[in-house]
């Protein structure tokens, strides 16, 4: 499984404009805090809806999954890899690490 450190996310986004930032948290969590990087596509698909909404994702598109602390997104990355996604990464530490290490304007919860 590919782990991506928060400090490496913007660099990866600059290298690959097709990168999708996949938020797998619940809508109420996304309403509290989200990661926004100019030019980077993002999508909210809660973990519990992923199987039903899998056709919304392109296995050829690079994807960075994130959640609150990186545990749920780690499970999603493993699932997506089993579905044939090759360029899928887990944002280590989740949005909490993003807030602490990259963007303190993102609220912690």
C-alpha atoms as a PDB file:
ATOM      1  CA  UNK A   1       0.000   0.000   0.000  1.00  0.00           C
ATOM      2  CA  UNK A   2       1.284   3.420  -0.943  1.00  0.00           C
ATOM      3  CA  UNK A   3       1.408   5.977   1.868  1.00  0.00           C
ATOM      4  CA  UNK A   4       1.738   9.645   0.974  1.00  0.00           C
ATOM      5  CA  UNK A   5       3.102  12.104   3.517  1.00  0.00           C
ATOM      6  CA  UNK A   6       1.119  15.342   3.753  1.00  0.00           C
ATOM      7  CA  UNK A   7       4.196  17.369   2.795  1.00  0.00           C
ATOM      8  CA  UNK A   8       4.355  15.433  -0.495  1.00  0.00           C
ATOM      9  CA  UNK A   9       0.728  15.946  -1.569  1.00  0.00           C
ATOM     10  CA  UNK A  10       1.160  19.340  -3.236  1.00  0.00           C
ATOM     11  CA  UNK A  11       4.239  18.127  -5.111  1.00  0.00           C
ATOM     12  CA  UNK A  12       2.355  15.096  -6.408  1.00  0.00           C
ATOM     13  CA  UNK A  13      -0.528  17.367  -7.438  1.00  0.00           C
ATOM     14  CA  UNK A  14       1.883  19.597  -9.387  1.00  0.00           C
ATOM     15  CA  UNK A  15       3.341  16.544 -11.153  1.00  0.00           C
ATOM     16  CA  UNK A  16      -0.033  15.105 -12.107  1.00  0.00           C
ATOM     17  CA  UNK A  17      -2.945  17.382 -12.996  1.00  0.00           C
ATOM     18  CA  UNK A  18      -5.261  14.371 -13.282  1.00  0.00           C
ATOM     19  CA  UNK A  19      -4.864  13.549  -9.571  1.00  0.00           C
ATOM     20  CA  UNK A  20      -8.127  13.110  -7.668  1.00  0.00           C
ATOM     21  CA  UNK A  21      -8.349  13.868  -3.960  1.00  0.00           C
ATOM     22  CA  UNK A  22     -10.924  11.412  -2.583  1.00  0.00           C
ATOM     23  CA  UNK A  23     -12.466  12.327   0.773  1.00  0.00           C
ATOM     24  CA  UNK A  24     -14.010   9.179   2.246  1.00  0.00           C
ATOM     25  CA  UNK A  25     -15.290  10.806   5.439  1.00  0.00           C
ATOM     26  CA  UNK A  26     -18.922  11.434   6.297  1.00  0.00           C
ATOM     27  CA  UNK A  27     -20.589  14.599   4.942  1.00  0.00           C
ATOM     28  CA  UNK A  28     -20.702  16.166   8.412  1.00  0.00           C
ATOM     29  CA  UNK A  29     -16.920  15.745   8.680  1.00  0.00           C
ATOM     30  CA  UNK A  30     -16.339  17.263   5.258  1.00  0.00           C
ATOM     31  CA  UNK A  31     -18.504  20.223   6.287  1.00  0.00           C
ATOM     32  CA  UNK A  32     -16.160  20.839   9.234  1.00  0.00           C
ATOM     33  CA  UNK A  33     -12.864  20.689   7.355  1.00  0.00           C
ATOM     34  CA  UNK A  34     -11.620  19.829   3.871  1.00  0.00           C
ATOM     35  CA  UNK A  35      -8.388  19.943   1.907  1.00  0.00           C
ATOM     36  CA  UNK A  36      -8.357  22.364  -1.013  1.00  0.00           C
ATOM     37  CA  UNK A  37      -5.429  22.607  -3.419  1.00  0.00           C
ATOM     38  CA  UNK A  38      -5.822  24.910  -6.406  1.00  0.00           C
ATOM     39  CA  UNK A  39      -6.236  22.959  -9.616  1.00  0.00           C
ATOM     40  CA  UNK A  40      -6.770  19.621  -7.844  1.00  0.00           C
ATOM     41  CA  UNK A  41     -10.055  17.785  -8.366  1.00  0.00           C
ATOM     42  CA  UNK A  42     -11.726  16.486  -5.236  1.00  0.00           C
ATOM     43  CA  UNK A  43     -14.680  14.225  -4.548  1.00  0.00           C
ATOM     44  CA  UNK A  44     -16.566  13.209  -1.413  1.00  0.00           C
ATOM     45  CA  UNK A  45     -17.586   9.551  -1.334  1.00  0.00           C
ATOM     46  CA  UNK A  46     -18.190   8.350   2.231  1.00  0.00           C
ATOM     47  CA  UNK A  47     -16.587   4.988   2.935  1.00  0.00           C
ATOM     48  CA  UNK A  48     -19.967   3.311   3.406  1.00  0.00           C
ATOM     49  CA  UNK A  49     -21.058   4.377  -0.091  1.00  0.00           C
ATOM     50  CA  UNK A  50     -17.889   3.411  -1.919  1.00  0.00           C
ATOM     51  CA  UNK A  51     -18.998   0.033  -3.267  1.00  0.00           C
ATOM     52  CA  UNK A  52     -22.197   1.496  -4.743  1.00  0.00           C
ATOM     53  CA  UNK A  53     -20.404   4.551  -6.134  1.00  0.00           C
ATOM     54  CA  UNK A  54     -17.299   2.782  -7.445  1.00  0.00           C
ATOM     55  CA  UNK A  55     -18.339   3.397 -11.094  1.00  0.00           C
ATOM     56  CA  UNK A  56     -17.809   7.128 -10.426  1.00  0.00           C
ATOM     57  CA  UNK A  57     -14.063   6.495 -10.162  1.00  0.00           C
ATOM     58  CA  UNK A  58     -11.649   5.844 -13.012  1.00  0.00           C
ATOM     59  CA  UNK A  59      -9.095   3.086 -12.274  1.00  0.00           C
ATOM     60  CA  UNK A  60      -6.625   4.831 -14.600  1.00  0.00           C
ATOM     61  CA  UNK A  61      -6.797   8.101 -12.656  1.00  0.00           C
ATOM     62  CA  UNK A  62      -4.347   8.630  -9.785  1.00  0.00           C
ATOM     63  CA  UNK A  63      -6.218   8.934  -6.478  1.00  0.00           C
ATOM     64  CA  UNK A  64      -5.201  10.158  -3.025  1.00  0.00           C
ATOM     65  CA  UNK A  65      -7.650   8.992  -0.355  1.00  0.00           C
ATOM     66  CA  UNK A  66      -8.022  10.742   2.977  1.00  0.00           C
ATOM     67  CA  UNK A  67     -10.103  10.628   6.133  1.00  0.00           C
ATOM     68  CA  UNK A  68      -9.710  12.048   9.632  1.00  0.00           C
ATOM     69  CA  UNK A  69      -6.532  10.253  10.743  1.00  0.00           C
ATOM     70  CA  UNK A  70      -5.747   7.934   7.812  1.00  0.00           C
ATOM     71  CA  UNK A  71      -7.169   4.663   9.081  1.00  0.00           C
ATOM     72  CA  UNK A  72     -10.397   4.486   7.056  1.00  0.00           C
ATOM     73  CA  UNK A  73      -8.639   5.767   3.956  1.00  0.00           C
ATOM     74  CA  UNK A  74      -6.011   3.046   4.364  1.00  0.00           C
ATOM     75  CA  UNK A  75      -8.808   0.466   4.159  1.00  0.00           C
ATOM     76  CA  UNK A  76     -10.255   2.212   1.096  1.00  0.00           C
ATOM     77  CA  UNK A  77      -6.858   2.201  -0.633  1.00  0.00           C
ATOM     78  CA  UNK A  78      -6.545  -1.550  -0.033  1.00  0.00           C
ATOM     79  CA  UNK A  79     -10.059  -2.056  -1.447  1.00  0.00           C
ATOM     80  CA  UNK A  80      -9.361   0.087  -4.517  1.00  0.00           C
ATOM     81  CA  UNK A  81      -6.122  -1.794  -5.178  1.00  0.00           C
ATOM     82  CA  UNK A  82      -8.100  -5.053  -5.148  1.00  0.00           C
ATOM     83  CA  UNK A  83     -10.447  -3.472  -7.711  1.00  0.00           C
ATOM     84  CA  UNK A  84      -7.559  -2.796 -10.100  1.00  0.00           C
ATOM     85  CA  UNK A  85      -6.601   0.761  -9.169  1.00  0.00           C
ATOM     86  CA  UNK A  86      -2.820   1.041  -9.480  1.00  0.00           C
ATOM     87  CA  UNK A  87      -2.163   4.709  -8.712  1.00  0.00           C
ATOM     88  CA  UNK A  88      -3.910   5.010  -5.369  1.00  0.00           C
ATOM     89  CA  UNK A  89      -2.381   6.494  -2.218  1.00  0.00           C
ATOM     90  CA  UNK A  90      -3.330   6.917   1.417  1.00  0.00           C
ATOM     91  CA  UNK A  91      -2.728  10.366   2.894  1.00  0.00           C
ATOM     92  CA  UNK A  92      -0.817   9.405   6.044  1.00  0.00           C
ATOM     93  CA  UNK A  93      -2.323  11.033   9.121  1.00  0.00           C
ATOM     94  CA  UNK A  94      -5.371  12.249   7.209  1.00  0.00           C
ATOM     95  CA  UNK A  95      -6.794  15.721   7.381  1.00  0.00           C
ATOM     96  CA  UNK A  96      -5.616  16.054  10.975  1.00  0.00           C
ATOM     97  CA  UNK A  97      -1.984  15.779   9.831  1.00  0.00           C
ATOM     98  CA  UNK A  98      -2.729  18.173   6.952  1.00  0.00           C
ATOM     99  CA  UNK A  99      -4.024  20.738   9.448  1.00  0.00           C
ATOM    100  CA  UNK A 100      -1.067  20.286  11.814  1.00  0.00           C
ATOM    101  CA  UNK A 101       1.713  20.141   9.223  1.00  0.00           C
ATOM    102  CA  UNK A 102       0.542  22.012   6.115  1.00  0.00           C
ATOM    103  CA  UNK A 103      -2.470  24.258   6.620  1.00  0.00           C
ATOM    104  CA  UNK A 104      -3.340  25.365  10.162  1.00  0.00           C
ATOM    105  CA  UNK A 105      -6.366  27.241   8.785  1.00  0.00           C
ATOM    106  CA  UNK A 106      -8.070  23.856   8.325  1.00  0.00           C
ATOM    107  CA  UNK A 107     -10.023  23.256  11.552  1.00  0.00           C
ATOM    108  CA  UNK A 108      -9.147  20.251  13.680  1.00  0.00           C
ATOM    109  CA  UNK A 109     -11.939  18.156  15.154  1.00  0.00           C
END
